[in-house]
Amino acid sequence: MRTEKPGPWHALRIGLKRFRYTVESLLPTAHAEWSESLKRVQDALGNIHDLDVLAEAVKSAESEIEDAVDSGWQQRIADVRRRIC
């Protein structure tokens, strides 16, 4: 994906979750082979979503947080998100 916007990443996570459950129900042989990889990708996308939610919470509370602390949190969140992607 060529975007840093959270919406498409979250949609991909939801789509992957549905795909994983469909494979589990309808293709048990493929599920046995793919389940660990699909779970890892789904977990990574979940971590990205959690970081996006955290970044938004910090941003919306910035009036209550000192500028130095806020910029530090935003940078840390962005760094971790880039490593996951």
Protein backbone atom coordinates (compact mmCIF):
# COMPACT_ATOMS: atom_id res chain seq x y z
CA MET A 1 0.00 0.00 0.00
CA ARG A 2 1.28 3.41 -0.85
CA THR A 3 -0.35 5.47 1.82
CA GLU A 4 0.26 6.35 5.43
CA LYS A 5 -3.45 7.07 5.98
CA PRO A 6 -4.96 4.74 8.58
CA GLY A 7 -8.24 3.98 6.77
CA PRO A 8 -6.90 1.74 3.98
CA TRP A 9 -4.64 -0.14 6.40
CA HIS A 10 -7.55 -0.84 8.72
CA ALA A 11 -9.72 -1.95 5.77
CA LEU A 12 -6.94 -4.33 4.72
CA ARG A 13 -6.84 -5.75 8.25
CA ILE A 14 -10.60 -6.37 8.25
CA GLY A 15 -10.43 -7.92 4.77
CA LEU A 16 -7.57 -10.20 5.80
CA LYS A 17 -9.47 -11.26 8.91
CA ARG A 18 -12.50 -12.22 6.79
CA PHE A 19 -10.25 -14.02 4.31
CA ARG A 20 -8.55 -15.98 7.09
CA TYR A 21 -11.88 -17.11 8.57
CA THR A 22 -13.19 -18.03 5.11
CA VAL A 23 -10.09 -20.12 4.39
CA GLU A 24 -10.41 -21.74 7.80
CA SER A 25 -14.04 -22.71 7.11
CA LEU A 26 -13.87 -23.68 3.45
CA LEU A 27 -10.27 -24.71 2.78
CA PRO A 28 -8.97 -26.54 5.85
CA THR A 29 -5.89 -27.88 4.04
CA ALA A 30 -4.87 -24.41 2.89
CA HIS A 31 -5.67 -23.05 6.34
CA ALA A 32 -3.26 -25.52 7.93
CA GLU A 33 -0.54 -24.32 5.56
CA TRP A 34 -1.28 -20.57 5.63
CA SER A 35 -2.67 -19.92 9.11
CA GLU A 36 0.58 -18.85 10.80
CA SER A 37 1.50 -16.43 8.00
CA LEU A 38 -1.98 -14.96 7.82
CA LYS A 39 -2.06 -14.55 11.59
CA ARG A 40 1.32 -12.77 11.60
CA VAL A 41 0.17 -10.31 8.92
CA GLN A 42 -3.13 -9.76 10.72
CA ASP A 43 -1.26 -9.12 13.99
CA ALA A 44 1.07 -6.62 12.29
CA LEU A 45 -1.90 -4.79 10.80
CA GLY A 46 -3.55 -4.80 14.23
CA ASN A 47 -0.44 -3.23 15.74
CA ILE A 48 -0.45 -0.56 13.03
CA HIS A 49 -4.11 0.17 13.78
CA ASP A 50 -3.39 0.42 17.52
CA LEU A 51 -0.59 2.90 16.81
CA ASP A 52 -2.89 4.94 14.54
CA VAL A 53 -5.55 5.08 17.28
CA LEU A 54 -2.91 6.06 19.86
CA ALA A 55 -1.53 8.79 17.58
CA GLU A 56 -5.02 10.21 17.11
CA ALA A 57 -5.68 10.14 20.85
CA VAL A 58 -2.43 11.97 21.55
CA LYS A 59 -3.19 14.48 18.80
CA SER A 60 -6.69 15.17 20.10
CA ALA A 61 -5.35 15.67 23.63
CA GLU A 62 -2.49 17.93 22.55
CA SER A 63 -4.03 20.96 24.27
CA GLU A 64 -3.61 19.08 27.54
CA ILE A 65 -0.07 17.88 26.80
CA GLU A 66 3.01 20.05 26.70
CA ASP A 67 4.40 20.56 23.18
CA ALA A 68 7.69 18.81 23.93
CA VAL A 69 5.96 15.70 25.27
CA ASP A 70 3.44 15.66 22.44
CA SER A 71 6.06 15.88 19.69
CA GLY A 72 8.07 13.15 21.37
CA TRP A 73 5.10 10.78 21.46
CA GLN A 74 4.14 11.52 17.87
CA GLN A 75 7.69 10.82 16.71
CA ARG A 76 7.93 7.58 18.68
CA ILE A 77 4.60 6.35 17.30
CA ALA A 78 5.63 7.24 13.75
CA ASP A 79 8.98 5.45 14.14
CA VAL A 80 7.40 2.23 15.42
CA ARG A 81 4.73 2.35 12.70
CA ARG A 82 7.37 2.70 9.98
CA ARG A 83 9.30 -0.30 11.35
CA ILE A 84 6.14 -2.43 11.25
CA CYS A 85 5.21 -1.41 7.73
